[in-house]
Protein backbone atom coordinates (compact mmCIF):
# COMPACT_ATOMS: atom_id res chain seq x y z
CA UNK A 1 115.16 111.10 124.81
CA UNK A 2 115.11 114.66 126.01
CA UNK A 3 115.32 115.55 129.74
CA UNK A 4 111.70 116.69 129.64
CA UNK A 5 110.55 113.39 128.04
CA UNK A 6 112.54 111.45 130.68
CA UNK A 7 110.67 113.30 133.39
CA UNK A 8 107.37 112.45 131.76
CA UNK A 9 108.31 108.78 131.48
CA UNK A 10 109.21 108.67 135.17
CA UNK A 11 105.81 110.16 136.04
CA UNK A 12 103.83 107.88 133.73
CA UNK A 13 105.66 104.59 134.26
CA UNK A 14 102.87 101.98 134.31
CA UNK A 15 99.57 101.46 132.51
CA UNK A 16 97.52 104.45 131.29
CA UNK A 17 94.73 105.65 129.08
CA UNK A 18 95.14 109.00 127.30
CA UNK A 19 92.95 110.61 129.97
CA UNK A 20 94.94 109.32 132.93
CA UNK A 21 98.20 110.27 131.28
CA UNK A 22 96.95 113.84 130.61
CA UNK A 23 95.80 114.09 134.23
CA UNK A 24 99.06 112.81 135.65
CA UNK A 25 101.09 115.35 133.64
CA UNK A 26 98.61 118.24 133.90
CA UNK A 27 98.33 118.64 130.11
CA UNK A 28 95.59 118.52 127.52
CA UNK A 29 94.33 115.36 125.88
CA UNK A 30 95.82 116.05 122.47
CA UNK A 31 99.17 116.92 124.01
CA UNK A 32 99.09 113.59 125.90
CA UNK A 33 98.30 111.74 122.65
CA UNK A 34 101.21 113.48 120.90
CA UNK A 35 103.60 112.66 123.74
CA UNK A 36 102.57 109.01 123.91
CA UNK A 37 102.96 108.65 120.14
CA UNK A 38 106.50 110.05 120.29
CA UNK A 39 107.43 107.80 123.18
CA UNK A 40 105.96 104.83 121.30
CA UNK A 41 108.19 105.54 118.34
CA UNK A 42 111.19 105.65 120.67
CA UNK A 43 110.28 102.29 122.17
CA UNK A 44 109.16 103.43 125.67
CA UNK A 45 105.46 102.82 125.07
CA UNK A 46 103.49 99.81 123.92
CA UNK A 47 99.81 99.94 123.03
CA UNK A 48 96.97 97.52 123.81
CA UNK A 49 93.39 97.67 122.64
CA UNK A 50 92.00 100.13 120.16
CA UNK A 51 88.93 100.24 117.90
CA UNK A 52 85.83 99.78 120.09
CA UNK A 53 88.02 99.00 123.07
CA UNK A 54 89.71 101.60 125.26
CA UNK A 55 93.34 102.00 124.20
CA UNK A 56 95.87 101.32 126.94
CA UNK A 57 99.42 102.60 127.00
CA UNK A 58 102.16 100.79 128.92
CA UNK A 59 105.02 103.19 129.72
CA UNK A 60 108.41 101.89 130.90
CA UNK A 61 111.75 103.48 131.63
CA UNK A 62 113.52 100.86 129.51
CA UNK A 63 112.98 100.48 125.79
CA UNK A 64 110.54 97.68 125.04
CA UNK A 65 111.22 95.10 122.34
CA UNK A 66 108.41 94.15 120.03
CA UNK A 67 106.57 91.11 121.40
CA UNK A 68 103.80 88.83 120.31
CA UNK A 69 100.38 89.35 122.00
CA UNK A 70 100.12 87.27 125.21
CA UNK A 71 97.34 86.44 127.66
CA UNK A 72 96.84 89.90 128.96
CA UNK A 73 96.85 91.44 125.50
CA UNK A 74 94.12 89.06 124.36
CA UNK A 75 92.03 89.42 127.50
CA UNK A 76 92.23 93.22 127.29
CA UNK A 77 91.37 93.10 123.56
CA UNK A 78 88.06 91.28 124.09
CA UNK A 79 86.99 92.10 127.66
CA UNK A 80 85.44 95.49 128.67
CA UNK A 81 87.17 95.02 132.08
CA UNK A 82 90.89 95.72 131.55
CA UNK A 83 93.67 94.02 133.43
CA UNK A 84 96.98 95.51 134.47
CA UNK A 85 99.57 92.71 133.83
CA UNK A 86 101.23 91.59 136.98
CA UNK A 87 103.97 89.71 135.14
CA UNK A 88 105.38 89.71 131.63
CA UNK A 89 103.56 86.94 129.81
CA UNK A 90 105.81 85.96 126.90
CA UNK A 91 104.55 83.64 124.19
CA UNK A 92 106.18 81.75 121.37
CA UNK A 93 104.51 80.50 118.22
CA UNK A 94 100.75 80.48 117.61
CA UNK A 95 98.78 82.00 120.48
CA UNK A 96 95.15 82.93 120.39
CA UNK A 97 91.90 82.98 122.49
CA UNK A 98 92.09 79.21 123.06
CA UNK A 99 95.53 79.44 124.68
CA UNK A 100 94.63 82.66 126.54
CA UNK A 101 91.50 81.02 128.04
CA UNK A 102 93.49 78.12 129.45
CA UNK A 103 96.25 80.36 130.75
CA UNK A 104 93.76 82.70 132.43
CA UNK A 105 92.13 79.76 134.22
CA UNK A 106 95.52 78.54 135.34
CA UNK A 107 96.36 81.87 136.96
CA UNK A 108 93.65 81.33 139.61
CA UNK A 109 93.05 85.09 139.43
CA UNK A 110 89.49 86.23 140.05
CA UNK A 111 89.70 89.11 137.56
CA UNK A 112 91.56 87.18 134.86
CA UNK A 113 89.06 84.28 134.96
CA UNK A 114 86.10 86.70 135.02
CA UNK A 115 87.49 88.54 131.96
CA UNK A 116 88.26 85.22 130.20
CA UNK A 117 84.55 84.47 129.73
CA UNK A 118 84.48 87.06 126.96
CA UNK A 119 86.82 84.82 124.93
CA UNK A 120 84.10 82.23 124.27
CA UNK A 121 82.75 84.35 121.40
CA UNK A 122 86.14 84.11 119.71
CA UNK A 123 86.92 80.40 120.08
CA UNK A 124 87.33 78.94 116.58
CA UNK A 125 89.23 75.75 117.35
CA UNK A 126 87.29 73.66 119.84
CA UNK A 127 89.46 70.54 119.35
CA UNK A 128 92.50 72.64 120.30
CA UNK A 129 90.74 74.07 123.31
CA UNK A 130 89.67 70.67 124.50
CA UNK A 131 93.17 69.28 124.06
CA UNK A 132 94.79 72.12 125.96
CA UNK A 133 92.24 71.86 128.73
CA UNK A 134 92.74 68.11 129.03
CA UNK A 135 96.49 68.63 129.30
CA UNK A 136 95.95 70.98 132.20
CA UNK A 137 93.12 68.94 133.68
CA UNK A 138 90.70 71.91 133.56
CA UNK A 139 88.00 70.93 131.06
CA UNK A 140 85.46 70.99 133.90
CA UNK A 141 86.38 74.62 134.57
CA UNK A 142 86.17 75.49 130.86
CA UNK A 143 82.70 73.87 130.63
CA UNK A 144 81.42 75.64 133.74
CA UNK A 145 82.74 79.02 132.56
CA UNK A 146 81.14 78.48 129.15
CA UNK A 147 77.74 77.76 130.68
CA UNK A 148 78.03 80.88 132.78
CA UNK A 149 79.15 83.01 129.84
CA UNK A 150 76.27 81.96 127.62
CA UNK A 151 73.83 83.16 130.26
CA UNK A 152 75.03 86.75 129.76
CA UNK A 153 77.05 87.13 126.52
CA UNK A 154 77.02 86.07 122.87
CA UNK A 155 79.27 82.95 122.53
CA UNK A 156 80.41 80.62 119.81
CA UNK A 157 78.37 77.43 120.07
CA UNK A 158 80.28 74.56 121.62
CA UNK A 159 79.99 71.41 119.47
CA UNK A 160 77.76 68.75 121.05
CA UNK A 161 80.60 66.32 121.31
CA UNK A 162 82.32 68.44 123.91
CA UNK A 163 79.35 68.78 126.29
CA UNK A 164 79.95 65.41 127.87
CA UNK A 165 80.59 65.59 131.60
CA UNK A 166 82.55 63.07 133.54
CA UNK A 167 83.77 65.02 136.55
CA UNK A 168 85.92 62.87 138.84
CA UNK A 169 86.12 65.38 141.69
CA UNK A 170 85.20 68.97 142.59
CA UNK A 171 87.48 71.63 141.04
CA UNK A 172 87.59 75.22 142.18
CA UNK A 173 88.07 78.19 139.90
CA UNK A 174 89.54 80.38 142.60
CA UNK A 175 90.83 78.91 145.86
CA UNK A 176 87.95 77.21 147.64
CA UNK A 177 85.39 79.93 146.93
CA UNK A 178 81.83 78.50 146.90
CA UNK A 179 78.95 79.29 144.64
CA UNK A 180 77.23 82.42 145.98
CA UNK A 181 74.55 83.09 143.31
CA UNK A 182 71.70 80.53 143.25
CA UNK A 183 71.39 80.95 139.45
CA UNK A 184 74.76 79.15 139.10
CA UNK A 185 73.86 76.21 141.26
CA UNK A 186 72.79 73.98 138.28
CA UNK A 187 76.12 74.70 136.58
CA UNK A 188 78.00 73.71 139.76
CA UNK A 189 75.99 70.49 140.01
CA UNK A 190 76.64 69.68 136.34
CA UNK A 191 80.39 70.33 136.28
CA UNK A 192 81.29 69.99 139.93
CA UNK A 193 82.80 73.48 139.75
CA UNK A 194 81.60 76.16 142.22
CA UNK A 195 80.99 79.54 140.59
CA UNK A 196 82.18 82.38 142.86
CA UNK A 197 80.84 85.31 140.77
CA UNK A 198 78.09 87.69 141.92
CA UNK A 199 75.83 89.87 139.73
CA UNK A 200 78.13 92.87 140.33
CA UNK A 201 81.13 90.89 139.04
CA UNK A 202 79.36 89.87 135.87
CA UNK A 203 78.33 93.48 135.24
CA UNK A 204 82.00 94.42 134.96
CA UNK A 205 82.48 92.32 131.83
CA UNK A 206 79.20 93.28 130.10
CA UNK A 207 79.51 96.04 127.55
């Protein structure tokens, strides 16, 4: 790495789009693209998204080893609202939307759980999702999020056999946040899971 490139990496360390990288360095968009591509080849940049989704570039001072897509990668791939990873989520073996959905719920993060609702249109293995949720005792939360998601987004249809509800006790998605939107009250009553989202929150994950 040249001294000039090292200076650029120090300035850019973190998560960027092409536009924010260009602004941070005071250069043109094409120059920023060329720089990020060079740094990617050298191992200082990894890329998330692409296609219809905004491409995100993670710049680090240390070379990054190739890694399998984890929870943040999958959430950012399918959700219009992008998340800046707050820890390095390493995965081993098969990992897809089913695993990412459960992991997002387990974080207890408002933004991660909100973004995770966009995964319901990419669930292809409902038995696996159900098994994973049962292992983490969060099927009530999965069911509640599914019912919220299908109010606003296109989702893969949940097989009838998984609609059964036997909630033993109330479960909270995020802390002890209550339901604040009256439209979600029937979902809370069905699954015993309060829905803390407001209309403005939902708008962030609608394309």
